[in-house]
Protein backbone atom coordinates (compact mmCIF):
# COMPACT_ATOMS: atom_id res chain seq x y z
CA MET A 1 -28.43 -20.10 -5.76
CA SER A 2 -26.88 -22.78 -3.65
CA ALA A 3 -28.87 -25.06 -1.37
CA LYS A 4 -28.48 -24.80 2.37
CA PRO A 5 -26.35 -27.54 3.71
CA ALA A 6 -28.71 -30.13 5.64
CA ALA A 7 -28.54 -29.83 9.70
CA LYS A 8 -26.65 -32.45 11.38
CA LYS A 9 -28.65 -34.74 13.52
CA ASP A 10 -26.95 -33.46 16.52
CA GLU A 11 -27.44 -30.13 15.88
CA ALA A 12 -31.09 -29.63 17.42
CA PHE A 13 -33.00 -26.60 18.18
CA VAL A 14 -32.75 -25.79 21.83
CA PRO A 15 -35.61 -24.09 23.60
CA VAL A 16 -35.12 -20.36 24.24
CA GLY A 17 -35.81 -20.85 28.11
CA ASP A 18 -32.90 -23.54 28.32
CA VAL A 19 -30.66 -20.80 26.73
CA LEU A 20 -31.69 -18.30 29.05
CA ALA A 21 -31.01 -20.30 31.83
CA GLY A 22 -27.72 -21.25 30.79
CA VAL A 23 -26.86 -17.75 30.38
CA MET A 24 -28.26 -16.68 33.51
CA ARG A 25 -26.39 -19.26 35.50
CA GLY A 26 -23.07 -18.44 33.87
CA LEU A 27 -23.49 -14.92 34.74
CA GLY A 28 -24.59 -15.81 38.34
CA LEU A 29 -28.11 -14.33 38.13
CA GLU A 30 -29.98 -17.63 38.87
CA LYS A 31 -29.89 -17.21 42.45
CA ARG A 32 -30.90 -13.77 42.27
CA LEU A 33 -33.86 -14.63 40.34
CA GLN A 34 -34.67 -17.28 42.67
CA GLU A 35 -34.46 -14.66 45.58
CA ARG A 36 -37.02 -12.19 43.70
CA ARG A 37 -39.51 -15.01 42.91
CA VAL A 38 -39.60 -15.62 46.67
CA VAL A 39 -40.68 -11.66 47.28
CA GLU A 40 -43.07 -11.87 44.30
CA GLY A 41 -44.61 -15.54 45.45
CA TRP A 42 -44.96 -14.67 49.17
CA ALA A 43 -48.63 -14.81 49.28
CA GLU A 44 -48.61 -18.23 47.64
CA LEU A 45 -45.93 -19.40 49.77
CA VAL A 46 -47.61 -18.27 53.25
CA GLY A 47 -51.41 -18.28 52.32
CA PRO A 48 -53.53 -15.23 52.19
CA ASP A 49 -53.70 -14.72 56.01
CA ILE A 50 -50.08 -14.52 56.71
CA ALA A 51 -49.68 -12.46 53.60
CA ARG A 52 -52.21 -9.84 54.51
CA PHE A 53 -50.18 -8.68 57.49
CA SER A 54 -46.90 -9.26 56.32
CA GLN A 55 -44.53 -8.36 53.36
CA ALA A 56 -41.65 -9.99 51.95
CA LEU A 57 -39.07 -7.31 51.06
CA ARG A 58 -36.09 -9.25 49.76
CA VAL A 59 -33.67 -12.04 50.07
CA TYR A 60 -30.06 -11.14 50.78
CA ARG A 61 -27.16 -13.40 51.56
CA GLY A 62 -29.70 -16.27 52.57
CA ILE A 63 -31.80 -13.84 54.81
CA LEU A 64 -35.29 -13.00 54.09
CA TYR A 65 -36.20 -9.79 55.06
CA LEU A 66 -40.16 -9.41 56.16
CA LYS A 67 -42.12 -6.42 57.00
CA VAL A 68 -45.12 -7.06 59.22
CA GLN A 69 -48.07 -4.72 60.73
CA SER A 70 -47.88 -5.44 64.20
CA ALA A 71 -45.77 -6.60 66.79
CA ALA A 72 -48.26 -9.61 67.30
CA TRP A 73 -47.67 -10.57 63.74
CA GLY A 74 -43.89 -10.24 64.28
CA GLN A 75 -44.09 -12.34 67.17
CA GLU A 76 -46.31 -15.02 65.04
CA LEU A 77 -43.77 -15.26 62.29
CA GLN A 78 -40.89 -15.80 64.78
CA PHE A 79 -42.63 -18.97 65.77
CA LEU A 80 -43.21 -20.08 62.05
CA LYS A 81 -39.64 -19.22 60.92
CA PRO A 82 -38.64 -22.91 60.87
CA GLN A 83 -41.78 -23.67 58.64
CA ILE A 84 -41.42 -20.70 56.32
CA ILE A 85 -37.80 -21.39 55.69
CA GLU A 86 -38.18 -24.98 54.83
CA ARG A 87 -41.26 -24.13 52.41
CA VAL A 88 -39.14 -21.51 50.73
CA ASN A 89 -36.33 -23.79 50.46
CA GLU A 90 -38.62 -26.72 49.18
CA HIS A 91 -39.91 -24.41 46.39
CA PHE A 92 -36.96 -22.77 45.28
CA GLY A 93 -33.91 -24.72 46.29
CA SER A 94 -32.31 -25.77 49.36
CA GLY A 95 -30.03 -23.28 51.21
CA LEU A 96 -31.68 -20.01 49.37
CA VAL A 97 -32.92 -18.89 52.57
CA MET A 98 -31.45 -19.61 55.93
CA ASP A 99 -32.74 -16.99 58.38
CA ILE A 100 -35.67 -14.42 58.37
CA ARG A 101 -35.52 -11.17 59.90
CA ILE A 102 -38.64 -9.36 60.79
CA THR A 103 -39.18 -5.67 61.00
CA GLY A 104 -42.22 -3.48 61.97
CA ARG A 105 -43.88 -0.61 59.92
């Protein structure tokens, strides 16, 4: 039985998360993951009051699509668009969301 060769100093273990992040980046999936996180984290981004009357549907080509329960909430979110876009981009990366489209029920 032969002994395993000793690992070289520069051959360190790499965390699985780092490997997966590299693979996703290489496949162009990192941005899609961030877009999905916007939808999943909608309540945390805007708070429970706004999240109770609105739902993030998806992010596609820099546009965040929202569904609201009433025209009044649609109007309210129109006024809040700049702040929402800024908050999303601060949290998930600059330029991820450039506009918001709001639809009713």
